[in-house]
Amino acid sequence: MSDINIKKVSYLAKLELNEEKAALYEKSLSEIIEWVDNLKKLDTEGVEPLHNITEKSQNLRNDEVLKENSTEQVLSNAPEKAQNFFRVPKVVE
């Protein structure tokens, strides 16, 4: 992918780039894509997928409900509440 349309990428990313920055990012993206393409050339035949970097299994505990919280208990610490909900200030206009 040597043909990167940096103007389209910057538009999608909602970035405003001057010509100097656009050229710099275009070069950087080309180098990144070239590096990733080099990974495709590696021989991974017989290599098992790595699920954990330490190659040890995780000892996970069972997901058990220890205590059931009632609505009243949960809302008891709320600074403001409305019916059975937390009341928060409006953040979107």
C-alpha atoms as a PDB file:
ATOM      1  CA  MET A   1       0.000   0.000   0.000  1.00  0.00           C
ATOM      2  CA  SER A   2       2.342   2.667  -1.214  1.00  0.00           C
ATOM      3  CA  ASP A   3      -0.460   4.922  -2.357  1.00  0.00           C
ATOM      4  CA  ILE A   4      -1.693   6.533   0.869  1.00  0.00           C
ATOM      5  CA  ASN A   5      -4.231   9.319   0.531  1.00  0.00           C
ATOM      6  CA  ILE A   6      -3.210  11.311   3.602  1.00  0.00           C
ATOM      7  CA  LYS A   7      -5.897  13.922   2.983  1.00  0.00           C
ATOM      8  CA  LYS A   8      -8.595  11.256   3.226  1.00  0.00           C
ATOM      9  CA  VAL A   9      -7.000   9.714   6.312  1.00  0.00           C
ATOM     10  CA  SER A  10      -6.683  13.104   8.028  1.00  0.00           C
ATOM     11  CA  TYR A  11     -10.299  13.912   7.151  1.00  0.00           C
ATOM     12  CA  LEU A  12     -11.490  10.622   8.653  1.00  0.00           C
ATOM     13  CA  ALA A  13      -9.371  11.266  11.760  1.00  0.00           C
ATOM     14  CA  LYS A  14     -10.726  14.834  11.973  1.00  0.00           C
ATOM     15  CA  LEU A  15      -7.212  16.302  11.740  1.00  0.00           C
ATOM     16  CA  GLU A  16      -6.278  19.526  10.058  1.00  0.00           C
ATOM     17  CA  LEU A  17      -2.830  19.141   8.528  1.00  0.00           C
ATOM     18  CA  ASN A  18      -0.698  21.624   6.697  1.00  0.00           C
ATOM     19  CA  GLU A  19       1.315  20.410   3.693  1.00  0.00           C
ATOM     20  CA  GLU A  20       4.486  19.903   5.746  1.00  0.00           C
ATOM     21  CA  LYS A  21       2.747  17.739   8.366  1.00  0.00           C
ATOM     22  CA  ALA A  22       0.825  15.851   5.656  1.00  0.00           C
ATOM     23  CA  ALA A  23       4.073  14.923   3.917  1.00  0.00           C
ATOM     24  CA  LEU A  24       5.638  13.836   7.209  1.00  0.00           C
ATOM     25  CA  TYR A  25       2.649  11.667   8.160  1.00  0.00           C
ATOM     26  CA  GLU A  26       2.403  10.196   4.687  1.00  0.00           C
ATOM     27  CA  LYS A  27       6.048   9.127   4.889  1.00  0.00           C
ATOM     28  CA  SER A  28       5.578   7.735   8.411  1.00  0.00           C
ATOM     29  CA  LEU A  29       2.453   5.764   7.479  1.00  0.00           C
ATOM     30  CA  SER A  30       4.203   4.340   4.425  1.00  0.00           C
ATOM     31  CA  GLU A  31       7.105   3.170   6.602  1.00  0.00           C
ATOM     32  CA  ILE A  32       4.726   1.586   9.123  1.00  0.00           C
ATOM     33  CA  ILE A  33       2.789  -0.250   6.423  1.00  0.00           C
ATOM     34  CA  GLU A  34       6.048  -1.408   4.844  1.00  0.00           C
ATOM     35  CA  TRP A  35       7.244  -2.729   8.219  1.00  0.00           C
ATOM     36  CA  VAL A  36       3.959  -4.603   8.774  1.00  0.00           C
ATOM     37  CA  ASP A  37       4.207  -6.063   5.257  1.00  0.00           C
ATOM     38  CA  ASN A  38       7.645  -7.446   6.211  1.00  0.00           C
ATOM     39  CA  LEU A  39       5.988  -9.426   9.021  1.00  0.00           C
ATOM     40  CA  LYS A  40       4.042 -11.352   6.383  1.00  0.00           C
ATOM     41  CA  LYS A  41       7.347 -12.724   5.065  1.00  0.00           C
ATOM     42  CA  LEU A  42       8.218 -14.443   8.363  1.00  0.00           C
ATOM     43  CA  ASP A  43       7.980 -18.221   8.422  1.00  0.00           C
ATOM     44  CA  THR A  44       5.569 -19.109  11.224  1.00  0.00           C
ATOM     45  CA  GLU A  45       5.101 -22.741  10.240  1.00  0.00           C
ATOM     46  CA  GLY A  46       4.892 -24.885  13.363  1.00  0.00           C
ATOM     47  CA  VAL A  47       4.744 -21.917  15.740  1.00  0.00           C
ATOM     48  CA  GLU A  48       1.949 -22.297  18.264  1.00  0.00           C
ATOM     49  CA  PRO A  49      -0.160 -19.216  19.083  1.00  0.00           C
ATOM     50  CA  LEU A  50       0.932 -17.463  22.272  1.00  0.00           C
ATOM     51  CA  HIS A  51      -1.949 -16.817  24.640  1.00  0.00           C
ATOM     52  CA  ASN A  52       0.087 -15.420  27.509  1.00  0.00           C
ATOM     53  CA  ILE A  53       3.579 -13.915  27.396  1.00  0.00           C
ATOM     54  CA  THR A  54       4.714 -15.933  30.407  1.00  0.00           C
ATOM     55  CA  GLU A  55       3.403 -19.154  28.820  1.00  0.00           C
ATOM     56  CA  LYS A  56       1.772 -20.025  32.138  1.00  0.00           C
ATOM     57  CA  SER A  57      -1.922 -20.594  32.553  1.00  0.00           C
ATOM     58  CA  GLN A  58      -4.012 -18.187  34.562  1.00  0.00           C
ATOM     59  CA  ASN A  59      -5.579 -19.445  37.750  1.00  0.00           C
ATOM     60  CA  LEU A  60      -8.968 -17.836  37.517  1.00  0.00           C
ATOM     61  CA  ARG A  61     -11.476 -17.978  40.300  1.00  0.00           C
ATOM     62  CA  ASN A  62     -15.064 -18.924  39.680  1.00  0.00           C
ATOM     63  CA  ASP A  63     -17.405 -16.013  39.102  1.00  0.00           C
ATOM     64  CA  GLU A  64     -19.727 -16.268  42.073  1.00  0.00           C
ATOM     65  CA  VAL A  65     -22.213 -13.804  43.507  1.00  0.00           C
ATOM     66  CA  LEU A  66     -21.104 -13.103  47.062  1.00  0.00           C
ATOM     67  CA  LYS A  67     -23.615 -10.476  48.115  1.00  0.00           C
ATOM     68  CA  GLU A  68     -26.693  -9.112  46.442  1.00  0.00           C
ATOM     69  CA  ASN A  69     -27.046  -5.346  46.628  1.00  0.00           C
ATOM     70  CA  SER A  70     -30.496  -3.872  46.730  1.00  0.00           C
ATOM     71  CA  THR A  71     -31.435  -0.702  44.872  1.00  0.00           C
ATOM     72  CA  GLU A  72     -31.798   1.121  48.187  1.00  0.00           C
ATOM     73  CA  GLN A  73     -28.295   0.099  49.302  1.00  0.00           C
ATOM     74  CA  VAL A  74     -26.700   1.178  46.034  1.00  0.00           C
ATOM     75  CA  LEU A  75     -28.525   4.520  45.917  1.00  0.00           C
ATOM     76  CA  SER A  76     -27.863   5.278  49.595  1.00  0.00           C
ATOM     77  CA  ASN A  77     -24.484   6.832  48.699  1.00  0.00           C
ATOM     78  CA  ALA A  78     -25.769   8.844  45.734  1.00  0.00           C
ATOM     79  CA  PRO A  79     -25.582  12.616  46.168  1.00  0.00           C
ATOM     80  CA  GLU A  80     -28.809  12.933  44.152  1.00  0.00           C
ATOM     81  CA  LYS A  81     -31.305  10.376  42.994  1.00  0.00           C
ATOM     82  CA  ALA A  82     -34.521  10.347  41.020  1.00  0.00           C
ATOM     83  CA  GLN A  83     -36.843   7.371  41.502  1.00  0.00           C
ATOM     84  CA  ASN A  84     -34.531   4.319  41.246  1.00  0.00           C
ATOM     85  CA  PHE A  85     -31.737   6.053  39.308  1.00  0.00           C
ATOM     86  CA  PHE A  86     -28.653   8.150  39.945  1.00  0.00           C
ATOM     87  CA  ARG A  87     -29.292  11.782  39.057  1.00  0.00           C
ATOM     88  CA  VAL A  88     -26.355  13.424  37.266  1.00  0.00           C
ATOM     89  CA  PRO A  89     -25.904  16.856  35.698  1.00  0.00           C
ATOM     90  CA  LYS A  90     -26.622  17.205  32.006  1.00  0.00           C
ATOM     91  CA  VAL A  91     -23.394  17.132  29.984  1.00  0.00           C
ATOM     92  CA  VAL A  92     -24.726  17.198  26.406  1.00  0.00           C
ATOM     93  CA  GLU A  93     -26.705  20.052  24.925  1.00  0.00           C
END
